Amino acid sequence: MEYQMIHSCIRVLDLEKSLEFYTRAFGFEVARRLDFPEHQFTLCYLRAQGGNFELELTYNYEQKEPYVMGNGYSHLAVGVRDLEGSHKLHSEMGLHPKPLKGLAGGEARFYFIADPDGYLVEVVRQG
């Protein structure tokens, strides 16, 4: 029996801000959007160009306070070939990426950036 990762879900306080962040920062596209106004929520699935894995943004209309992530959540990760170029672009966009880092003090391999709800996204050098 085979299983494939299909999506991960995060709850967002402001759907439009989150959509702007993920489409602008990473070029994600809306794969589909399901609105359930009678049940007071919207599901919006984002996908990287050429990818199959989706990020599900769940927007509950009545949520007024930021979600509490607790200490179990760590981060999402995306890959990019030009890590330094990506870091520069995110800096120029005013998205305040963290400094480039390497594992155990090694060469730069990644950096982190926070979305509007404080979820961390790790940007990792690919290739």
Protein backbone atom coordinates (compact mmCIF):
# COMPACT_ATOMS: atom_id res chain seq x y z
CA MET A 1 0.00 0.00 0.00
CA GLU A 2 1.39 3.41 -0.97
CA TYR A 3 0.61 6.77 0.59
CA GLN A 4 1.43 10.20 -0.73
CA MET A 5 1.52 13.50 1.07
CA ILE A 6 -1.26 15.63 -0.42
CA HIS A 7 -1.64 18.68 1.82
CA SER A 8 -0.96 20.36 5.11
CA CYS A 9 -3.41 22.74 6.75
CA ILE A 10 -2.90 25.94 8.71
CA ARG A 11 -5.58 28.20 10.13
CA VAL A 12 -5.29 31.86 9.19
CA LEU A 13 -6.80 34.99 10.70
CA ASP A 14 -6.89 37.05 7.49
CA LEU A 15 -7.25 34.97 4.32
CA GLU A 16 -6.45 37.81 1.93
CA LYS A 17 -3.22 38.71 3.77
CA SER A 18 -2.15 35.07 3.77
CA LEU A 19 -2.97 34.64 0.08
CA GLU A 20 -0.97 37.76 -0.75
CA PHE A 21 2.00 36.50 1.30
CA TYR A 22 2.18 33.01 -0.20
CA THR A 23 1.51 34.10 -3.80
CA ARG A 24 3.90 37.05 -3.62
CA ALA A 25 6.70 35.49 -1.57
CA PHE A 26 6.76 32.03 -3.16
CA GLY A 27 4.72 32.23 -6.36
CA PHE A 28 2.15 29.75 -5.06
CA GLU A 29 -1.08 29.59 -7.03
CA VAL A 30 -4.61 28.97 -5.82
CA ALA A 31 -5.41 25.41 -6.90
CA ARG A 32 -8.98 25.62 -5.63
CA ARG A 33 -11.10 27.56 -3.19
CA LEU A 34 -14.13 26.21 -1.36
CA ASP A 35 -16.40 28.73 0.33
CA PHE A 36 -18.92 27.56 2.93
CA PRO A 37 -20.62 30.78 4.08
CA GLU A 38 -23.50 28.86 5.68
CA HIS A 39 -20.93 27.15 7.90
CA GLN A 40 -18.74 30.25 8.31
CA PHE A 41 -15.47 29.01 6.78
CA THR A 42 -13.41 28.96 3.58
CA LEU A 43 -10.76 26.49 2.48
CA CYS A 44 -8.15 27.70 0.02
CA TYR A 45 -5.58 25.27 -1.42
CA LEU A 46 -2.27 26.66 -2.68
CA ARG A 47 0.22 24.84 -4.85
CA ALA A 48 3.74 25.61 -6.06
CA GLN A 49 4.13 25.71 -9.83
CA GLY A 50 4.73 22.18 -11.08
CA GLY A 51 4.09 20.66 -7.64
CA ASN A 52 1.37 18.37 -6.34
CA PHE A 53 1.59 19.03 -2.60
CA GLU A 54 -0.85 21.68 -1.37
CA LEU A 55 -0.97 24.10 1.51
CA GLU A 56 -4.53 24.39 2.78
CA LEU A 57 -5.42 27.73 4.33
CA THR A 58 -8.48 27.43 6.57
CA TYR A 59 -10.27 30.69 7.28
CA ASN A 60 -12.96 30.62 9.98
CA TYR A 61 -15.12 33.73 9.62
CA GLU A 62 -15.82 34.19 13.33
CA GLN A 63 -12.18 33.96 14.50
CA LYS A 64 -11.16 37.34 15.91
CA GLU A 65 -8.05 36.50 17.96
CA PRO A 66 -4.79 35.11 16.53
CA TYR A 67 -4.44 31.35 16.70
CA VAL A 68 -2.17 29.90 19.38
CA MET A 69 0.43 27.65 17.78
CA GLY A 70 1.77 26.13 20.98
CA ASN A 71 5.20 24.60 21.16
CA GLY A 72 4.62 21.62 18.86
CA TYR A 73 4.49 23.40 15.50
CA SER A 74 7.83 24.05 13.86
CA HIS A 75 7.68 25.08 10.18
CA LEU A 76 6.82 24.46 6.55
CA ALA A 77 9.66 24.20 4.03
CA VAL A 78 10.12 25.26 0.40
CA GLY A 79 13.12 24.68 -1.84
CA VAL A 80 14.87 27.16 -4.13
CA ARG A 81 18.04 26.93 -6.23
CA ASP A 82 19.20 30.55 -5.69
CA LEU A 83 19.07 30.86 -1.92
CA GLU A 84 20.92 34.19 -1.75
CA GLY A 85 18.76 35.67 -4.53
CA SER A 86 15.61 34.53 -2.75
CA HIS A 87 16.81 36.03 0.54
CA LYS A 88 17.55 39.34 -1.21
CA LEU A 89 14.13 39.33 -2.91
CA HIS A 90 12.30 38.67 0.36
CA SER A 91 14.31 41.45 2.03
CA GLU A 92 13.43 43.88 -0.78
CA MET A 93 9.76 42.91 -0.42
CA GLY A 94 9.92 43.97 3.23
CA LEU A 95 9.20 40.43 4.49
CA HIS A 96 12.07 40.47 7.02
CA PRO A 97 13.71 37.08 6.40
CA LYS A 98 15.99 35.78 9.15
CA PRO A 99 19.74 35.59 8.35
CA LEU A 100 21.11 32.83 6.13
CA LYS A 101 22.21 29.81 8.19
CA GLY A 102 24.00 26.51 7.84
CA LEU A 103 23.74 23.35 9.89
CA ALA A 104 26.22 23.31 12.77
CA GLY A 105 27.86 26.48 11.49
CA GLY A 106 28.41 25.11 7.97
CA GLU A 107 27.80 26.92 4.68
CA ALA A 108 24.51 28.76 4.20
CA ARG A 109 21.76 26.26 3.36
CA PHE A 110 18.54 27.90 4.60
CA TYR A 111 16.74 30.82 6.20
CA PHE A 112 13.35 31.36 7.81
CA ILE A 113 10.56 33.80 7.06
CA ALA A 114 7.27 34.28 8.96
CA ASP A 115 3.86 34.54 7.32
CA PRO A 116 1.20 37.02 8.54
CA ASP A 117 0.04 34.60 11.26
CA GLY A 118 3.56 33.87 12.50
CA TYR A 119 3.89 30.45 10.86
CA LEU A 120 7.53 29.90 9.91
CA VAL A 121 8.56 28.89 6.42
CA GLU A 122 12.06 27.50 5.94
CA VAL A 123 13.58 28.36 2.56
CA VAL A 124 16.12 25.64 1.73
CA ARG A 125 18.80 25.57 -0.97
CA GLN A 126 17.97 22.86 -3.52
CA GLY A 127 20.42 21.15 -5.82
